[in-house]
Amino acid sequence: MYMLIQQARARLPFSDSMASVCHDQCRGCSRKLLEYIDSELNDWQQRLNAGQKPNFGQLHGLARKCHKIHSTLQHNDLYGDGQPPKL
């Protein structure tokens, strides 16, 4: 879970100012998606720090959310070249 959180923070464009700008064709609100996944990652970081151990389903669920948000952001062209590292 720690590795998943680190990878998500490294690969999703949390600091990209373009994520908060609405575009003409949008598959999902990039700003809201990034806020949502940031809160999920923060929640899991706090739970891990408190000693909670995630089960496989929880790990899979967070990975799936990250993947879906990554795909949506890629569709919204937030990565520029359209070829970000795989998540």
PDB file of N, CA and C in Angstrom:
ATOM      1  N   MET A   1       0.834  -1.190   0.000  1.00  0.00           N
ATOM      2  CA  MET A   1       0.000   0.000   0.000  1.00  0.00           C
ATOM      3  C   MET A   1       0.878   1.253   0.000  1.00  0.00           C
ATOM      4  N   TYR A   2       1.976   1.201   0.789  1.00  0.00           N
ATOM      5  CA  TYR A   2       2.886   2.356   0.786  1.00  0.00           C
ATOM      6  C   TYR A   2       3.422   2.625  -0.620  1.00  0.00           C
ATOM      7  N   MET A   3       3.785   1.560  -1.317  1.00  0.00           N
ATOM      8  CA  MET A   3       4.327   1.717  -2.670  1.00  0.00           C
ATOM      9  C   MET A   3       3.270   2.284  -3.617  1.00  0.00           C
ATOM     10  N   LEU A   4       2.047   1.830  -3.486  1.00  0.00           N
ATOM     11  CA  LEU A   4       0.961   2.330  -4.330  1.00  0.00           C
ATOM     12  C   LEU A   4       0.745   3.825  -4.096  1.00  0.00           C
ATOM     13  N   ILE A   5       0.746   4.244  -2.839  1.00  0.00           N
ATOM     14  CA  ILE A   5       0.563   5.658  -2.512  1.00  0.00           C
ATOM     15  C   ILE A   5       1.705   6.486  -3.091  1.00  0.00           C
ATOM     16  N   GLN A   6       2.932   6.000  -2.949  1.00  0.00           N
ATOM     17  CA  GLN A   6       4.091   6.722  -3.495  1.00  0.00           C
ATOM     18  C   GLN A   6       4.014   6.829  -5.013  1.00  0.00           C
ATOM     19  N   GLN A   7       3.652   5.738  -5.677  1.00  0.00           N
ATOM     20  CA  GLN A   7       3.552   5.750  -7.138  1.00  0.00           C
ATOM     21  C   GLN A   7       2.455   6.703  -7.606  1.00  0.00           C
ATOM     22  N   ALA A   8       1.323   6.679  -6.937  1.00  0.00           N
ATOM     23  CA  ALA A   8       0.215   7.560  -7.321  1.00  0.00           C
ATOM     24  C   ALA A   8       0.611   9.022  -7.153  1.00  0.00           C
ATOM     25  N   ARG A   9       1.254   9.345  -6.044  1.00  0.00           N
ATOM     26  CA  ARG A   9       1.678  10.731  -5.804  1.00  0.00           C
ATOM     27  C   ARG A   9       2.721  11.178  -6.827  1.00  0.00           C
ATOM     28  N   ALA A  10       3.568  10.257  -7.262  1.00  0.00           N
ATOM     29  CA  ALA A  10       4.618  10.601  -8.225  1.00  0.00           C
ATOM     30  C   ALA A  10       4.073  10.740  -9.644  1.00  0.00           C
ATOM     31  N   ARG A  11       3.047   9.984  -9.983  1.00  0.00           N
ATOM     32  CA  ARG A  11       2.607   9.912 -11.380  1.00  0.00           C
ATOM     33  C   ARG A  11       1.365  10.721 -11.715  1.00  0.00           C
ATOM     34  N   LEU A  12       0.561  11.035 -10.731  1.00  0.00           N
ATOM     35  CA  LEU A  12      -0.620  11.848 -11.007  1.00  0.00           C
ATOM     36  C   LEU A  12      -0.233  13.322 -10.901  1.00  0.00           C
ATOM     37  N   PRO A  13      -0.770  14.174 -11.780  1.00  0.00           N
ATOM     38  CA  PRO A  13      -0.341  15.580 -11.847  1.00  0.00           C
ATOM     39  C   PRO A  13      -1.011  16.481 -10.804  1.00  0.00           C
ATOM     40  N   PHE A  14      -0.728  16.231  -9.515  1.00  0.00           N
ATOM     41  CA  PHE A  14      -1.348  17.021  -8.456  1.00  0.00           C
ATOM     42  C   PHE A  14      -0.974  18.500  -8.530  1.00  0.00           C
ATOM     43  N   SER A  15       0.234  18.807  -8.947  1.00  0.00           N
ATOM     44  CA  SER A  15       0.688  20.201  -8.948  1.00  0.00           C
ATOM     45  C   SER A  15       0.496  20.896 -10.295  1.00  0.00           C
ATOM     46  N   ASP A  16      -0.103  20.231 -11.250  1.00  0.00           N
ATOM     47  CA  ASP A  16      -0.293  20.814 -12.579  1.00  0.00           C
ATOM     48  C   ASP A  16      -1.438  21.825 -12.549  1.00  0.00           C
ATOM     49  N   SER A  17      -1.134  23.065 -12.887  1.00  0.00           N
ATOM     50  CA  SER A  17      -2.165  24.106 -12.879  1.00  0.00           C
ATOM     51  C   SER A  17      -3.228  23.864 -13.945  1.00  0.00           C
ATOM     52  N   MET A  18      -2.893  23.124 -14.996  1.00  0.00           N
ATOM     53  CA  MET A  18      -3.866  22.827 -16.050  1.00  0.00           C
ATOM     54  C   MET A  18      -4.981  21.916 -15.545  1.00  0.00           C
ATOM     55  N   ALA A  19      -4.741  21.205 -14.458  1.00  0.00           N
ATOM     56  CA  ALA A  19      -5.758  20.308 -13.918  1.00  0.00           C
ATOM     57  C   ALA A  19      -6.952  21.079 -13.374  1.00  0.00           C
ATOM     58  N   SER A  20      -6.746  22.338 -13.006  1.00  0.00           N
ATOM     59  CA  SER A  20      -7.851  23.120 -12.458  1.00  0.00           C
ATOM     60  C   SER A  20      -8.569  23.949 -13.519  1.00  0.00           C
ATOM     61  N   VAL A  21      -8.123  23.836 -14.770  1.00  0.00           N
ATOM     62  CA  VAL A  21      -8.735  24.579 -15.866  1.00  0.00           C
ATOM     63  C   VAL A  21      -9.699  23.664 -16.611  1.00  0.00           C
ATOM     64  N   CYS A  22     -10.895  24.164 -16.854  1.00  0.00           N
ATOM     65  CA  CYS A  22     -11.862  23.381 -17.623  1.00  0.00           C
ATOM     66  C   CYS A  22     -11.562  23.510 -19.111  1.00  0.00           C
ATOM     67  N   HIS A  23     -11.672  22.405 -19.815  1.00  0.00           N
ATOM     68  CA  HIS A  23     -11.445  22.374 -21.250  1.00  0.00           C
ATOM     69  C   HIS A  23     -12.780  22.160 -21.952  1.00  0.00           C
ATOM     70  N   ASP A  24     -12.794  22.365 -23.261  1.00  0.00           N
ATOM     71  CA  ASP A  24     -14.032  22.219 -24.024  1.00  0.00           C
ATOM     72  C   ASP A  24     -14.607  20.813 -23.913  1.00  0.00           C
ATOM     73  N   GLN A  25     -13.779  19.824 -24.202  1.00  0.00           N
ATOM     74  CA  GLN A  25     -14.232  18.441 -24.126  1.00  0.00           C
ATOM     75  C   GLN A  25     -13.584  17.798 -22.912  1.00  0.00           C
ATOM     76  N   CYS A  26     -14.416  17.409 -21.988  1.00  0.00           N
ATOM     77  CA  CYS A  26     -13.905  16.877 -20.735  1.00  0.00           C
ATOM     78  C   CYS A  26     -14.678  15.611 -20.380  1.00  0.00           C
ATOM     79  N   ARG A  27     -13.958  14.565 -20.049  1.00  0.00           N
ATOM     80  CA  ARG A  27     -14.590  13.303 -19.696  1.00  0.00           C
ATOM     81  C   ARG A  27     -14.912  13.245 -18.206  1.00  0.00           C
ATOM     82  N   GLY A  28     -14.264  14.082 -17.435  1.00  0.00           N
ATOM     83  CA  GLY A  28     -14.473  14.153 -15.997  1.00  0.00           C
ATOM     84  C   GLY A  28     -13.752  15.388 -15.494  1.00  0.00           C
ATOM     85  N   CYS A  29     -14.193  15.932 -14.408  1.00  0.00           N
ATOM     86  CA  CYS A  29     -13.567  17.145 -13.883  1.00  0.00           C
ATOM     87  C   CYS A  29     -12.222  16.780 -13.264  1.00  0.00           C
ATOM     88  N   SER A  30     -11.160  17.175 -13.925  1.00  0.00           N
ATOM     89  CA  SER A  30      -9.811  16.822 -13.481  1.00  0.00           C
ATOM     90  C   SER A  30      -9.531  17.322 -12.071  1.00  0.00           C
ATOM     91  N   ARG A  31      -9.937  18.534 -11.783  1.00  0.00           N
ATOM     92  CA  ARG A  31      -9.683  19.111 -10.461  1.00  0.00           C
ATOM     93  C   ARG A  31     -10.379  18.293  -9.375  1.00  0.00           C
ATOM     94  N   LYS A  32     -11.637  17.947  -9.606  1.00  0.00           N
ATOM     95  CA  LYS A  32     -12.389  17.177  -8.617  1.00  0.00           C
ATOM     96  C   LYS A  32     -11.837  15.763  -8.473  1.00  0.00           C
ATOM     97  N   LEU A  33     -11.436  15.163  -9.586  1.00  0.00           N
ATOM     98  CA  LEU A  33     -10.856  13.823  -9.523  1.00  0.00           C
ATOM     99  C   LEU A  33      -9.558  13.826  -8.729  1.00  0.00           C
ATOM    100  N   LEU A  34      -8.708  14.827  -8.958  1.00  0.00           N
ATOM    101  CA  LEU A  34      -7.446  14.916  -8.219  1.00  0.00           C
ATOM    102  C   LEU A  34      -7.690  15.203  -6.738  1.00  0.00           C
ATOM    103  N   GLU A  35      -8.671  16.037  -6.431  1.00  0.00           N
ATOM    104  CA  GLU A  35      -9.013  16.296  -5.030  1.00  0.00           C
ATOM    105  C   GLU A  35      -9.508  15.018  -4.361  1.00  0.00           C
ATOM    106  N   TYR A  36     -10.330  14.265  -5.080  1.00  0.00           N
ATOM    107  CA  TYR A  36     -10.868  13.018  -4.539  1.00  0.00           C
ATOM    108  C   TYR A  36      -9.758  12.009  -4.253  1.00  0.00           C
ATOM    109  N   ILE A  37      -8.889  11.777  -5.239  1.00  0.00           N
ATOM    110  CA  ILE A  37      -7.857  10.757  -5.043  1.00  0.00           C
ATOM    111  C   ILE A  37      -6.831  11.226  -4.018  1.00  0.00           C
ATOM    112  N   ASP A  38      -6.597  12.529  -3.923  1.00  0.00           N
ATOM    113  CA  ASP A  38      -5.702  13.059  -2.898  1.00  0.00           C
ATOM    114  C   ASP A  38      -6.261  12.766  -1.511  1.00  0.00           C
ATOM    115  N   SER A  39      -7.572  12.950  -1.332  1.00  0.00           N
ATOM    116  CA  SER A  39      -8.177  12.658  -0.032  1.00  0.00           C
ATOM    117  C   SER A  39      -8.135  11.162   0.271  1.00  0.00           C
ATOM    118  N   GLU A  40      -8.321  10.326  -0.751  1.00  0.00           N
ATOM    119  CA  GLU A  40      -8.227   8.874  -0.558  1.00  0.00           C
ATOM    120  C   GLU A  40      -6.808   8.470  -0.142  1.00  0.00           C
ATOM    121  N   LEU A  41      -5.813   9.032  -0.815  1.00  0.00           N
ATOM    122  CA  LEU A  41      -4.419   8.721  -0.491  1.00  0.00           C
ATOM    123  C   LEU A  41      -4.065   9.214   0.911  1.00  0.00           C
ATOM    124  N   ASN A  42      -4.519  10.416   1.268  1.00  0.00           N
ATOM    125  CA  ASN A  42      -4.272  10.940   2.616  1.00  0.00           C
ATOM    126  C   ASN A  42      -4.929  10.063   3.669  1.00  0.00           C
ATOM    127  N   ASP A  43      -6.162   9.627   3.395  1.00  0.00           N
ATOM    128  CA  ASP A  43      -6.882   8.760   4.321  1.00  0.00           C
ATOM    129  C   ASP A  43      -6.120   7.459   4.552  1.00  0.00           C
ATOM    130  N   TRP A  44      -5.662   6.845   3.469  1.00  0.00           N
ATOM    131  CA  TRP A  44      -4.928   5.593   3.616  1.00  0.00           C
ATOM    132  C   TRP A  44      -3.581   5.803   4.294  1.00  0.00           C
ATOM    133  N   GLN A  45      -2.935   6.920   4.037  1.00  0.00           N
ATOM    134  CA  GLN A  45      -1.664   7.202   4.700  1.00  0.00           C
ATOM    135  C   GLN A  45      -1.878   7.302   6.213  1.00  0.00           C
ATOM    136  N   GLN A  46      -2.946   7.974   6.627  1.00  0.00           N
ATOM    137  CA  GLN A  46      -3.257   8.098   8.052  1.00  0.00           C
ATOM    138  C   GLN A  46      -3.600   6.741   8.659  1.00  0.00           C
ATOM    139  N   ARG A  47      -4.352   5.937   7.926  1.00  0.00           N
ATOM    140  CA  ARG A  47      -4.716   4.610   8.426  1.00  0.00           C
ATOM    141  C   ARG A  47      -3.488   3.722   8.590  1.00  0.00           C
ATOM    142  N   LEU A  48      -2.580   3.790   7.627  1.00  0.00           N
ATOM    143  CA  LEU A  48      -1.351   3.004   7.712  1.00  0.00           C
ATOM    144  C   LEU A  48      -0.493   3.475   8.879  1.00  0.00           C
ATOM    145  N   ASN A  49      -0.401   4.786   9.063  1.00  0.00           N
ATOM    146  CA  ASN A  49       0.374   5.337  10.176  1.00  0.00           C
ATOM    147  C   ASN A  49      -0.209   4.933  11.523  1.00  0.00           C
ATOM    148  N   ALA A  50      -1.524   4.714  11.559  1.00  0.00           N
ATOM    149  CA  ALA A  50      -2.193   4.284  12.782  1.00  0.00           C
ATOM    150  C   ALA A  50      -2.072   2.777  13.005  1.00  0.00           C
ATOM    151  N   GLY A  51      -1.466   2.072  12.056  1.00  0.00           N
ATOM    152  CA  GLY A  51      -1.243   0.640  12.220  1.00  0.00           C
ATOM    153  C   GLY A  51      -2.238  -0.259  11.518  1.00  0.00           C
ATOM    154  N   GLN A  52      -3.192   0.301  10.808  1.00  0.00           N
ATOM    155  CA  GLN A  52      -4.158  -0.526  10.091  1.00  0.00           C
ATOM    156  C   GLN A  52      -3.479  -1.198   8.907  1.00  0.00           C
ATOM    157  N   LYS A  53      -3.798  -2.456   8.704  1.00  0.00           N
ATOM    158  CA  LYS A  53      -3.246  -3.205   7.578  1.00  0.00           C
ATOM    159  C   LYS A  53      -4.359  -3.458   6.567  1.00  0.00           C
ATOM    160  N   PRO A  54      -4.164  -2.993   5.341  1.00  0.00           N
ATOM    161  CA  PRO A  54      -5.203  -3.186   4.326  1.00  0.00           C
ATOM    162  C   PRO A  54      -5.258  -4.635   3.855  1.00  0.00           C
ATOM    163  N   ASN A  55      -6.447  -5.071   3.490  1.00  0.00           N
ATOM    164  CA  ASN A  55      -6.557  -6.390   2.887  1.00  0.00           C
ATOM    165  C   ASN A  55      -6.390  -6.249   1.374  1.00  0.00           C
ATOM    166  N   PHE A  56      -6.371  -7.356   0.684  1.00  0.00           N
ATOM    167  CA  PHE A  56      -6.150  -7.325  -0.756  1.00  0.00           C
ATOM    168  C   PHE A  56      -7.241  -6.542  -1.481  1.00  0.00           C
ATOM    169  N   GLY A  57      -8.468  -6.672  -1.041  1.00  0.00           N
ATOM    170  CA  GLY A  57      -9.577  -5.958  -1.672  1.00  0.00           C
ATOM    171  C   GLY A  57      -9.426  -4.449  -1.569  1.00  0.00           C
ATOM    172  N   GLN A  58      -8.980  -3.972  -0.422  1.00  0.00           N
ATOM    173  CA  GLN A  58      -8.768  -2.537  -0.238  1.00  0.00           C
ATOM    174  C   GLN A  58      -7.615  -2.039  -1.098  1.00  0.00           C
ATOM    175  N   LEU A  59      -6.559  -2.817  -1.172  1.00  0.00           N
ATOM    176  CA  LEU A  59      -5.417  -2.463  -2.012  1.00  0.00           C
ATOM    177  C   LEU A  59      -5.836  -2.422  -3.481  1.00  0.00           C
ATOM    178  N   HIS A  60      -6.566  -3.442  -3.899  1.00  0.00           N
ATOM    179  CA  HIS A  60      -7.047  -3.506  -5.280  1.00  0.00           C
ATOM    180  C   HIS A  60      -7.989  -2.341  -5.588  1.00  0.00           C
ATOM    181  N   GLY A  61      -8.854  -2.012  -4.635  1.00  0.00           N
ATOM    182  CA  GLY A  61      -9.800  -0.917  -4.836  1.00  0.00           C
ATOM    183  C   GLY A  61      -9.106   0.422  -5.037  1.00  0.00           C
ATOM    184  N   LEU A  62      -8.092   0.704  -4.227  1.00  0.00           N
ATOM    185  CA  LEU A  62      -7.367   1.960  -4.377  1.00  0.00           C
ATOM    186  C   LEU A  62      -6.586   1.980  -5.683  1.00  0.00           C
ATOM    187  N   ALA A  63      -5.980   0.862  -6.038  1.00  0.00           N
ATOM    188  CA  ALA A  63      -5.241   0.788  -7.304  1.00  0.00           C
ATOM    189  C   ALA A  63      -6.182   1.008  -8.487  1.00  0.00           C
ATOM    190  N   ARG A  64      -7.360   0.452  -8.407  1.00  0.00           N
ATOM    191  CA  ARG A  64      -8.334   0.608  -9.494  1.00  0.00           C
ATOM    192  C   ARG A  64      -8.792   2.061  -9.624  1.00  0.00           C
ATOM    193  N   LYS A  65      -9.044   2.717  -8.488  1.00  0.00           N
ATOM    194  CA  LYS A  65      -9.426   4.133  -8.521  1.00  0.00           C
ATOM    195  C   LYS A  65      -8.316   4.966  -9.153  1.00  0.00           C
ATOM    196  N   CYS A  66      -7.074   4.712  -8.742  1.00  0.00           N
ATOM    197  CA  CYS A  66      -5.935   5.451  -9.301  1.00  0.00           C
ATOM    198  C   CYS A  66      -5.836   5.236 -10.804  1.00  0.00           C
ATOM    199  N   HIS A  67      -6.012   4.006 -11.228  1.00  0.00           N
ATOM    200  CA  HIS A  67      -5.924   3.695 -12.655  1.00  0.00           C
ATOM    201  C   HIS A  67      -7.022   4.408 -13.450  1.00  0.00           C
ATOM    202  N   LYS A  68      -8.251   4.378 -12.937  1.00  0.00           N
ATOM    203  CA  LYS A  68      -9.361   5.030 -13.642  1.00  0.00           C
ATOM    204  C   LYS A  68      -9.156   6.541 -13.720  1.00  0.00           C
ATOM    205  N   ILE A  69      -8.708   7.142 -12.638  1.00  0.00           N
ATOM    206  CA  ILE A  69      -8.469   8.585 -12.639  1.00  0.00           C
ATOM    207  C   ILE A  69      -7.320   8.919 -13.566  1.00  0.00           C
ATOM    208  N   HIS A  70      -6.284   8.100 -13.548  1.00  0.00           N
ATOM    209  CA  HIS A  70      -5.148   8.294 -14.461  1.00  0.00           C
ATOM    210  C   HIS A  70      -5.624   8.251 -15.906  1.00  0.00           C
ATOM    211  N   SER A  71      -6.465   7.293 -16.241  1.00  0.00           N
ATOM    212  CA  SER A  71      -6.987   7.168 -17.608  1.00  0.00           C
ATOM    213  C   SER A  71      -7.814   8.385 -18.005  1.00  0.00           C
ATOM    214  N   THR A  72      -8.632   8.867 -17.087  1.00  0.00           N
ATOM    215  CA  THR A  72      -9.454  10.042 -17.370  1.00  0.00           C
ATOM    216  C   THR A  72      -8.585  11.276 -17.576  1.00  0.00           C
ATOM    217  N   LEU A  73      -7.570  11.454 -16.737  1.00  0.00           N
ATOM    218  CA  LEU A  73      -6.671  12.598 -16.883  1.00  0.00           C
ATOM    219  C   LEU A  73      -5.896  12.513 -18.190  1.00  0.00           C
ATOM    220  N   GLN A  74      -5.535  11.309 -18.565  1.00  0.00           N
ATOM    221  CA  GLN A  74      -4.840  11.116 -19.839  1.00  0.00           C
ATOM    222  C   GLN A  74      -5.779  11.485 -20.991  1.00  0.00           C
ATOM    223  N   HIS A  75      -7.028  11.071 -20.902  1.00  0.00           N
ATOM    224  CA  HIS A  75      -8.025  11.409 -21.925  1.00  0.00           C
ATOM    225  C   HIS A  75      -8.222  12.919 -22.005  1.00  0.00           C
ATOM    226  N   ASN A  76      -8.142  13.608 -20.863  1.00  0.00           N
ATOM    227  CA  ASN A  76      -8.280  15.063 -20.818  1.00  0.00           C
ATOM    228  C   ASN A  76      -6.983  15.769 -21.202  1.00  0.00           C
ATOM    229  N   ASP A  77      -5.984  15.010 -21.612  1.00  0.00           N
ATOM    230  CA  ASP A  77      -4.699  15.515 -22.112  1.00  0.00           C
ATOM    231  C   ASP A  77      -3.939  16.353 -21.085  1.00  0.00           C
ATOM    232  N   LEU A  78      -3.924  15.897 -19.839  1.00  0.00           N
ATOM    233  CA  LEU A  78      -3.170  16.613 -18.813  1.00  0.00           C
ATOM    234  C   LEU A  78      -1.701  16.234 -18.785  1.00  0.00           C
ATOM    235  N   TYR A  79      -1.315  15.262 -19.557  1.00  0.00           N
ATOM    236  CA  TYR A  79       0.070  14.824 -19.552  1.00  0.00           C
ATOM    237  C   TYR A  79       0.869  15.403 -20.702  1.00  0.00           C
ATOM    238  N   GLY A  80       0.255  16.208 -21.540  1.00  0.00           N
ATOM    239  CA  GLY A  80       0.967  16.854 -22.633  1.00  0.00           C
ATOM    240  C   GLY A  80       1.246  15.926 -23.782  1.00  0.00           C
ATOM    241  N   ASP A  81       2.177  15.006 -23.611  1.00  0.00           N
ATOM    242  CA  ASP A  81       2.533  14.095 -24.695  1.00  0.00           C
ATOM    243  C   ASP A  81       1.580  12.922 -24.801  1.00  0.00           C
ATOM    244  N   GLY A  82       0.686  12.778 -23.822  1.00  0.00           N
ATOM    245  CA  GLY A  82      -0.272  11.683 -23.852  1.00  0.00           C
ATOM    246  C   GLY A  82       0.328  10.348 -23.469  1.00  0.00           C
ATOM    247  N   GLN A  83       1.589  10.335 -23.046  1.00  0.00           N
ATOM    248  CA  GLN A  83       2.257   9.085 -22.702  1.00  0.00           C
ATOM    249  C   GLN A  83       2.885   9.151 -21.313  1.00  0.00           C
ATOM    250  N   PRO A  84       2.079   9.222 -20.253  1.00  0.00           N
ATOM    251  CA  PRO A  84       2.651   9.216 -18.914  1.00  0.00           C
ATOM    252  C   PRO A  84       3.106   7.814 -18.548  1.00  0.00           C
ATOM    253  N   PRO A  85       3.893   7.680 -17.497  1.00  0.00           N
ATOM    254  CA  PRO A  85       4.261   6.338 -17.046  1.00  0.00           C
ATOM    255  C   PRO A  85       3.012   5.560 -16.665  1.00  0.00           C
ATOM    256  N   LYS A  86       3.031   4.281 -16.865  1.00  0.00           N
ATOM    257  CA  LYS A  86       1.886   3.434 -16.520  1.00  0.00           C
ATOM    258  C   LYS A  86       1.682   3.446 -15.017  1.00  0.00           C
ATOM    259  N   LEU A  87       0.418   3.418 -14.612  1.00  0.00           N
ATOM    260  CA  LEU A  87       0.079   3.378 -13.199  1.00  0.00           C
ATOM    261  C   LEU A  87      -0.652   2.096 -12.925  1.00  0.00           C
TER     262      LEU A  87
END
